[in-house]
Amino acid sequence: MYLEKLFHDTLPAESLASVQAQHSFIYVWKGSATINGELVGEDSAVYAEDIVSVKAGVTGAEFVRWEIAPMDDPLHLLAGDDVSSVLRMSRRIKMFELVPTSRWLFRLDCILNAEGSTGLHAHPGSGIRFMLNTNGECRVESEKGEESISRQAGDVWYEEGSYPINSSRPPGVRTTFLRGMVFPPEFEKYHDTVIWIEGQRKSGHTGDASKFVKHYLQKVIRLR
């Protein structure tokens, strides 16, 4: 059995840190860092397999890190001098049977400036969200899945794709949030995967999905 986890890591200037984990996405929220030999700036992300080795930039770095790992693995906190590493959320994805040797699409993207109500919808994959920016309240409601209210940058919540949800905001509120999600591999070619149960998008976004979904990276992974 496997878990998806979200960590929040903060590193002082030019500090060194590392952690071992099977599959990770590392999003640089603030500052910059060299991650596994690759220079990564603000609002960028990289995939890491087995090892995450980091050197923070001259102003330090703040990361959001998604991980998929066996349930019985130890806690993979980033280790280094004066480094803060906190597990913010851990969830077992119920809609799939994640087992050794199985293949999955691991994707990191961002919903930009969502407003109003989405209407009832679902996803063909599940994952943990991280609020990047908001000027008010974002409410997620579901009859079977988890419910949440997020009010500030750094808030996290989980959406189980098989449970229909409605996401809503008061008038004038806009939210931008990251999604670290797990899908079957056949969804690799699809930019927007939402299933609109009420028949149409109601959140103020229409037309080309690339205008409101920012893709960072995706990787077809094999669990071990």
Protein backbone atom coordinates (compact mmCIF):
# COMPACT_ATOMS: atom_id res chain seq x y z
CA MET A 1 0.00 0.00 0.00
CA TYR A 2 1.26 3.47 -0.91
CA LEU A 3 0.69 7.00 0.34
CA GLU A 4 0.87 10.41 -1.26
CA LYS A 5 2.48 12.94 1.06
CA LEU A 6 3.08 16.68 0.97
CA PHE A 7 6.02 18.29 2.77
CA HIS A 8 6.92 21.94 3.33
CA ASP A 9 10.70 22.48 3.45
CA THR A 10 12.62 25.69 4.27
CA LEU A 11 16.38 26.01 3.82
CA PRO A 12 18.68 28.90 4.83
CA ALA A 13 21.02 30.47 2.28
CA GLU A 14 23.47 28.07 0.62
CA SER A 15 22.60 25.25 3.02
CA LEU A 16 22.84 21.58 2.04
CA ALA A 17 20.13 18.99 2.58
CA SER A 18 19.06 15.59 1.30
CA VAL A 19 16.47 12.85 1.64
CA GLN A 20 15.81 9.45 0.11
CA ALA A 21 12.37 8.83 -1.35
CA GLN A 22 11.04 6.65 -4.15
CA HIS A 23 9.27 9.33 -6.25
CA SER A 24 9.15 13.10 -5.56
CA PHE A 25 8.10 16.36 -7.14
CA ILE A 26 9.87 19.41 -5.69
CA TYR A 27 8.29 22.81 -6.38
CA VAL A 28 10.41 25.87 -5.53
CA TRP A 29 7.95 28.28 -3.95
CA LYS A 30 10.46 30.93 -2.88
CA GLY A 31 14.15 31.48 -3.59
CA SER A 32 16.19 29.04 -5.67
CA ALA A 33 18.18 25.84 -5.30
CA THR A 34 20.31 23.32 -7.10
CA ILE A 35 18.42 20.03 -6.90
CA ASN A 36 20.20 16.86 -8.01
CA GLY A 37 22.60 19.06 -9.97
CA GLU A 38 19.91 21.13 -11.70
CA LEU A 39 19.44 24.83 -10.95
CA VAL A 40 15.76 25.46 -10.17
CA GLY A 41 14.31 28.94 -9.78
CA GLU A 42 11.14 30.26 -8.20
CA ASP A 43 7.86 28.87 -9.55
CA SER A 44 9.60 25.88 -11.13
CA ALA A 45 9.63 22.18 -10.30
CA VAL A 46 11.67 19.02 -10.82
CA TYR A 47 11.11 15.29 -10.49
CA ALA A 48 13.48 13.21 -8.36
CA GLU A 49 13.78 9.44 -8.11
CA ASP A 50 15.28 7.78 -5.01
CA ILE A 51 17.40 10.75 -3.84
CA VAL A 52 16.72 14.47 -3.39
CA SER A 53 20.00 16.34 -2.92
CA VAL A 54 19.69 20.11 -2.46
CA LYS A 55 21.87 23.19 -2.17
CA ALA A 56 19.85 26.33 -1.45
CA GLY A 57 20.54 29.54 -3.35
CA VAL A 58 22.03 32.76 -1.94
CA THR A 59 18.66 33.87 -0.52
CA GLY A 60 17.64 30.44 0.72
CA ALA A 61 14.79 28.31 -0.59
CA GLU A 62 11.30 27.23 0.33
CA PHE A 63 9.89 24.06 -1.23
CA VAL A 64 6.62 22.22 -1.56
CA ARG A 65 7.41 18.52 -2.01
CA TRP A 66 5.01 15.76 -3.09
CA GLU A 67 6.03 12.15 -2.56
CA ILE A 68 4.64 8.71 -3.35
CA ALA A 69 6.06 6.07 -1.02
CA PRO A 70 5.12 2.76 0.61
CA MET A 71 2.98 3.07 3.72
CA ASP A 72 5.63 1.36 5.88
CA ASP A 73 8.48 3.65 4.74
CA PRO A 74 10.03 5.92 7.37
CA LEU A 75 9.11 9.62 7.34
CA HIS A 76 11.20 11.32 4.64
CA LEU A 77 12.01 14.68 6.19
CA LEU A 78 14.68 16.76 4.46
CA ALA A 79 17.83 16.55 6.61
CA GLY A 80 20.40 19.36 6.90
CA ASP A 81 21.74 22.09 9.17
CA ASP A 82 19.03 24.60 10.17
CA VAL A 83 16.61 23.03 7.69
CA SER A 84 12.90 22.99 8.53
CA SER A 85 11.00 20.04 7.04
CA VAL A 86 7.36 19.44 7.96
CA LEU A 87 4.88 16.81 6.80
CA ARG A 88 1.70 18.75 5.99
CA MET A 89 -0.53 15.96 4.71
CA SER A 90 -0.50 12.21 4.05
CA ARG A 91 -3.27 10.29 2.26
CA ARG A 92 -3.91 6.85 0.85
CA ILE A 93 -5.46 7.19 -2.61
CA LYS A 94 -8.60 5.04 -2.41
CA MET A 95 -9.72 5.06 -6.05
CA PHE A 96 -6.72 3.01 -7.24
CA GLU A 97 -4.87 -0.06 -6.03
CA LEU A 98 -1.31 1.21 -5.81
CA VAL A 99 0.87 -1.90 -5.60
CA PRO A 100 4.52 -2.75 -6.38
CA THR A 101 5.40 -2.88 -10.12
CA SER A 102 2.25 -0.91 -11.10
CA ARG A 103 2.66 2.16 -13.32
CA TRP A 104 1.06 5.55 -12.68
CA LEU A 105 1.10 9.06 -14.09
CA PHE A 106 2.40 11.50 -11.47
CA ARG A 107 1.50 15.09 -12.46
CA LEU A 108 2.10 18.55 -11.02
CA ASP A 109 0.04 21.43 -12.35
CA CYS A 110 -1.61 24.65 -11.18
CA ILE A 111 -5.13 26.08 -11.41
CA LEU A 112 -4.84 29.82 -12.09
CA ASN A 113 -7.18 32.47 -10.68
CA ALA A 114 -10.19 30.23 -10.13
CA GLU A 115 -13.34 32.13 -9.18
CA GLY A 116 -16.99 31.47 -8.43
CA SER A 117 -18.31 27.92 -8.27
CA THR A 118 -17.01 25.02 -10.33
CA GLY A 119 -20.27 23.13 -10.16
CA LEU A 120 -20.29 19.44 -9.35
CA HIS A 121 -17.33 17.66 -10.93
CA ALA A 122 -14.88 14.79 -10.50
CA HIS A 123 -11.40 13.78 -11.66
CA PRO A 124 -9.93 10.53 -13.03
CA GLY A 125 -7.15 10.92 -10.49
CA SER A 126 -6.66 12.01 -6.88
CA GLY A 127 -4.17 14.24 -5.14
CA ILE A 128 -3.11 16.87 -2.63
CA ARG A 129 -3.61 20.58 -3.33
CA PHE A 130 -1.48 23.48 -2.07
CA MET A 131 -2.76 27.06 -2.04
CA LEU A 132 -0.34 29.49 -3.68
CA ASN A 133 -2.42 32.65 -3.64
CA THR A 134 -5.88 33.71 -2.51
CA ASN A 135 -7.71 36.88 -1.53
CA GLY A 136 -10.44 35.06 0.34
CA GLU A 137 -12.06 31.74 1.14
CA CYS A 138 -12.06 28.59 -1.01
CA ARG A 139 -14.54 25.92 0.07
CA VAL A 140 -14.55 22.30 -1.15
CA GLU A 141 -17.72 20.29 -0.49
CA SER A 142 -18.44 16.61 -1.14
CA GLU A 143 -21.09 14.14 -0.04
CA LYS A 144 -18.58 11.28 0.29
CA GLY A 145 -15.08 12.79 0.07
CA GLU A 146 -13.15 15.17 2.30
CA GLU A 147 -14.35 18.74 2.75
CA SER A 148 -12.16 21.76 3.41
CA ILE A 149 -12.01 25.53 3.78
CA SER A 150 -8.79 27.26 2.74
CA ARG A 151 -8.19 30.91 3.50
CA GLN A 152 -4.48 31.62 3.03
CA ALA A 153 -1.40 30.76 1.04
CA GLY A 154 0.13 27.51 2.29
CA ASP A 155 -3.19 25.80 3.12
CA VAL A 156 -3.48 22.21 1.89
CA TRP A 157 -6.37 19.87 1.10
CA TYR A 158 -7.04 16.51 -0.51
CA GLU A 159 -9.47 15.60 -3.29
CA GLU A 160 -10.33 11.96 -3.97
CA GLY A 161 -11.07 11.98 -7.70
CA SER A 162 -13.78 9.33 -7.56
CA TYR A 163 -15.94 11.43 -5.19
CA PRO A 164 -17.77 14.33 -6.92
CA ILE A 165 -17.04 17.73 -5.37
CA ASN A 166 -18.00 21.37 -5.69
CA SER A 167 -15.36 24.06 -5.20
CA SER A 168 -16.61 27.59 -4.56
CA ARG A 169 -15.47 31.09 -3.65
CA PRO A 170 -17.40 34.24 -2.67
CA PRO A 171 -17.80 36.98 -5.30
CA GLY A 172 -14.52 38.74 -6.06
CA VAL A 173 -12.33 35.97 -4.62
CA ARG A 174 -9.71 34.30 -6.81
CA THR A 175 -7.52 31.36 -5.90
CA THR A 176 -4.40 29.86 -7.46
CA PHE A 177 -3.33 26.42 -6.25
CA LEU A 178 -1.00 23.55 -7.09
CA ARG A 179 -2.18 19.98 -7.64
CA GLY A 180 0.07 16.94 -7.17
CA MET A 181 -2.06 14.18 -8.70
CA VAL A 182 -1.94 10.48 -9.56
CA PHE A 183 -3.65 9.13 -12.71
CA PRO A 184 -3.63 5.97 -14.80
CA PRO A 185 -0.85 6.31 -17.44
CA GLU A 186 -3.29 6.64 -20.35
CA PHE A 187 -4.12 10.19 -19.20
CA GLU A 188 -0.58 11.36 -20.07
CA LYS A 189 -1.82 12.97 -23.31
CA TYR A 190 -4.75 14.87 -21.77
CA HIS A 191 -4.16 18.46 -20.65
CA ASP A 192 -7.47 18.90 -18.81
CA THR A 193 -9.02 15.79 -17.23
CA VAL A 194 -11.94 17.17 -15.24
CA ILE A 195 -15.33 15.45 -15.60
CA TRP A 196 -18.19 17.99 -15.49
CA ILE A 197 -21.11 16.23 -13.86
CA GLU A 198 -23.35 19.28 -14.14
CA GLY A 199 -22.53 19.58 -17.81
CA GLN A 200 -20.43 22.74 -18.05
CA ARG A 201 -17.68 24.71 -16.37
CA LYS A 202 -19.08 27.32 -13.99
CA SER A 203 -15.93 28.83 -12.47
CA GLY A 204 -15.41 31.74 -14.87
CA HIS A 205 -12.96 29.77 -17.05
CA THR A 206 -14.07 28.82 -20.54
CA GLY A 207 -12.41 27.63 -23.70
CA ASP A 208 -8.80 26.46 -23.97
CA ALA A 209 -7.68 24.69 -20.78
CA SER A 210 -4.12 26.00 -21.23
CA LYS A 211 -5.41 29.45 -20.21
CA PHE A 212 -6.31 28.34 -16.70
CA VAL A 213 -4.20 25.21 -16.11
CA LYS A 214 -0.43 25.65 -15.89
CA HIS A 215 1.51 22.41 -16.30
CA TYR A 216 4.86 22.03 -14.58
CA LEU A 217 5.77 18.41 -15.24
CA GLN A 218 4.50 14.86 -15.33
CA LYS A 219 6.18 11.47 -15.13
CA VAL A 220 5.01 7.92 -15.65
CA ILE A 221 6.45 6.11 -12.62
CA ARG A 222 6.73 2.48 -11.58
CA LEU A 223 6.23 1.67 -7.93
CA ARG A 224 8.65 -0.64 -6.13
